[in-house]
C-alpha atoms as a PDB file:
ATOM      1  CA  MET A   1       0.695 -50.363  36.523  1.00  0.00           C
ATOM      2  CA  LEU A   2      -1.007 -53.373  34.725  1.00  0.00           C
ATOM      3  CA  SER A   3      -4.758 -53.188  34.885  1.00  0.00           C
ATOM      4  CA  PHE A   4      -7.076 -55.995  33.509  1.00  0.00           C
ATOM      5  CA  LEU A   5      -9.920 -54.089  33.496  1.00  0.00           C
ATOM      6  CA  PRO A   6     -11.640 -53.095  30.489  1.00  0.00           C
ATOM      7  CA  PRO A   7     -10.830 -49.272  29.726  1.00  0.00           C
ATOM      8  CA  MET A   8     -13.404 -46.986  30.884  1.00  0.00           C
ATOM      9  CA  PRO A   9     -15.864 -45.536  28.259  1.00  0.00           C
ATOM     10  CA  SER A  10     -14.198 -41.431  29.230  1.00  0.00           C
ATOM     11  CA  GLU A  11     -10.499 -43.782  28.355  1.00  0.00           C
ATOM     12  CA  VAL A  12     -12.241 -44.875  25.137  1.00  0.00           C
ATOM     13  CA  MET A  13     -13.436 -41.803  24.416  1.00  0.00           C
ATOM     14  CA  GLU A  14     -10.292 -39.980  25.108  1.00  0.00           C
ATOM     15  CA  THR A  15      -8.903 -42.604  22.544  1.00  0.00           C
ATOM     16  CA  LEU A  16     -11.338 -42.003  19.754  1.00  0.00           C
ATOM     17  CA  LYS A  17     -10.981 -38.143  19.906  1.00  0.00           C
ATOM     18  CA  THR A  18      -7.460 -38.584  19.599  1.00  0.00           C
ATOM     19  CA  LYS A  19      -7.244 -40.974  16.683  1.00  0.00           C
ATOM     20  CA  PHE A  20     -10.004 -39.418  14.636  1.00  0.00           C
ATOM     21  CA  LYS A  21      -8.410 -35.924  15.081  1.00  0.00           C
ATOM     22  CA  GLN A  22      -4.700 -37.960  13.909  1.00  0.00           C
ATOM     23  CA  ARG A  23      -6.532 -39.510  10.968  1.00  0.00           C
ATOM     24  CA  ARG A  24      -8.313 -36.071   9.933  1.00  0.00           C
ATOM     25  CA  LYS A  25      -4.420 -34.252   9.596  1.00  0.00           C
ATOM     26  CA  ALA A  26      -2.762 -37.695   8.263  1.00  0.00           C
ATOM     27  CA  LEU A  27      -5.671 -36.957   5.562  1.00  0.00           C
ATOM     28  CA  GLY A  28      -5.101 -33.642   5.001  1.00  0.00           C
ATOM     29  CA  TYR A  29      -8.431 -31.751   6.028  1.00  0.00           C
ATOM     30  CA  THR A  30      -9.023 -29.330   7.918  1.00  0.00           C
ATOM     31  CA  GLN A  31     -11.780 -28.617  10.610  1.00  0.00           C
ATOM     32  CA  PRO A  32     -14.406 -26.566   8.305  1.00  0.00           C
ATOM     33  CA  GLU A  33     -13.290 -29.239   5.343  1.00  0.00           C
ATOM     34  CA  LEU A  34     -14.515 -32.310   7.015  1.00  0.00           C
ATOM     35  CA  ALA A  35     -17.138 -30.495   8.797  1.00  0.00           C
ATOM     36  CA  SER A  36     -18.197 -29.828   5.269  1.00  0.00           C
ATOM     37  CA  ARG A  37     -17.685 -32.587   3.447  1.00  0.00           C
ATOM     38  CA  SER A  38     -19.175 -35.029   6.254  1.00  0.00           C
ATOM     39  CA  GLY A  39     -22.620 -32.605   7.006  1.00  0.00           C
ATOM     40  CA  VAL A  40     -21.499 -32.674  10.750  1.00  0.00           C
ATOM     41  CA  SER A  41     -21.504 -28.816  11.855  1.00  0.00           C
ATOM     42  CA  LEU A  42     -18.167 -27.278  12.187  1.00  0.00           C
ATOM     43  CA  GLY A  43     -19.232 -27.069  16.063  1.00  0.00           C
ATOM     44  CA  SER A  44     -19.885 -30.386  16.365  1.00  0.00           C
ATOM     45  CA  LEU A  45     -16.543 -31.649  15.197  1.00  0.00           C
ATOM     46  CA  LYS A  46     -14.705 -29.143  17.622  1.00  0.00           C
ATOM     47  CA  ARG A  47     -16.518 -29.870  20.498  1.00  0.00           C
ATOM     48  CA  PHE A  48     -15.733 -33.752  19.339  1.00  0.00           C
ATOM     49  CA  GLU A  49     -12.221 -33.111  19.020  1.00  0.00           C
ATOM     50  CA  ARG A  50     -11.828 -31.005  22.686  1.00  0.00           C
ATOM     51  CA  PHE A  51     -14.214 -33.125  24.712  1.00  0.00           C
ATOM     52  CA  GLY A  52     -15.132 -36.583  22.925  1.00  0.00           C
ATOM     53  CA  GLN A  53     -18.394 -35.333  23.114  1.00  0.00           C
ATOM     54  CA  ILE A  54     -20.858 -36.233  19.504  1.00  0.00           C
ATOM     55  CA  SER A  55     -23.837 -37.840  18.255  1.00  0.00           C
ATOM     56  CA  LEU A  56     -23.599 -41.051  17.286  1.00  0.00           C
ATOM     57  CA  GLU A  57     -24.719 -40.366  13.516  1.00  0.00           C
ATOM     58  CA  SER A  58     -22.278 -37.555  13.723  1.00  0.00           C
ATOM     59  CA  PHE A  59     -19.814 -39.894  14.833  1.00  0.00           C
ATOM     60  CA  LEU A  60     -20.708 -42.083  11.986  1.00  0.00           C
ATOM     61  CA  LYS A  61     -20.874 -39.711   8.919  1.00  0.00           C
ATOM     62  CA  LEU A  62     -16.985 -38.890  10.470  1.00  0.00           C
ATOM     63  CA  ALA A  63     -16.008 -42.093  10.331  1.00  0.00           C
ATOM     64  CA  LEU A  64     -17.070 -42.579   6.691  1.00  0.00           C
ATOM     65  CA  VAL A  65     -15.003 -39.457   5.369  1.00  0.00           C
ATOM     66  CA  LEU A  66     -11.995 -40.692   7.323  1.00  0.00           C
ATOM     67  CA  GLU A  67     -12.454 -44.221   5.616  1.00  0.00           C
ATOM     68  CA  CYS A  68     -13.053 -46.188   8.903  1.00  0.00           C
ATOM     69  CA  LEU A  69     -16.840 -46.514   9.055  1.00  0.00           C
ATOM     70  CA  GLU A  70     -16.199 -50.109   8.101  1.00  0.00           C
ATOM     71  CA  GLU A  71     -13.872 -50.813  11.449  1.00  0.00           C
ATOM     72  CA  PHE A  72     -17.603 -49.994  13.585  1.00  0.00           C
ATOM     73  CA  GLY A  73     -19.726 -52.979  11.816  1.00  0.00           C
ATOM     74  CA  ALA A  74     -17.835 -55.673  13.457  1.00  0.00           C
ATOM     75  CA  LEU A  75     -18.816 -54.439  17.108  1.00  0.00           C
ATOM     76  CA  CYS A  76     -21.040 -56.450  19.379  1.00  0.00           C
ATOM     77  CA  ALA A  77     -21.099 -59.218  16.384  1.00  0.00           C
ATOM     78  CA  GLU A  78     -22.436 -62.459  17.626  1.00  0.00           C
ATOM     79  CA  GLU A  79     -19.478 -64.826  18.166  1.00  0.00           C
ATOM     80  CA  GLU A  80     -19.288 -68.073  15.744  1.00  0.00           C
ATOM     81  CA  VAL A  81     -19.902 -71.047  18.612  1.00  0.00           C
ATOM     82  CA  MET A  82     -17.867 -73.590  17.851  1.00  0.00           C
ATOM     83  CA  PRO A  83     -18.576 -77.492  18.141  1.00  0.00           C
ATOM     84  CA  ASP A  84     -16.663 -79.235  21.020  1.00  0.00           C
ATOM     85  CA  SER A  85     -16.381 -82.773  19.244  1.00  0.00           C
ATOM     86  CA  MET A  86     -17.447 -83.649  15.423  1.00  0.00           C
ATOM     87  CA  GLU A  87     -20.899 -85.079  16.680  1.00  0.00           C
ATOM     88  CA  ASP A  88     -21.692 -81.915  17.449  1.00  0.00           C
ATOM     89  CA  LEU A  89     -20.525 -80.504  13.610  1.00  0.00           C
ATOM     90  CA  LEU A  90     -22.321 -83.132  12.268  1.00  0.00           C
END
């Protein structure tokens, strides 16, 4: 069934934890190695990969090491308002 509703936070969390785990493995990092490189405790990393629960700061530290931090800079960015006419532009 197609849904036109935005995903629920729990669905986004599930997607993110899965993508981060896949990215970690693609880069060849073990959990202890990623924890060490990021400064995030191994327990926090394991909890994130299993349940999706992590602090924002730890999440961003992992994103930095996994080379995807820049993607989060666009979140909640103000959309540029386009002029409706040439008069508005001038």
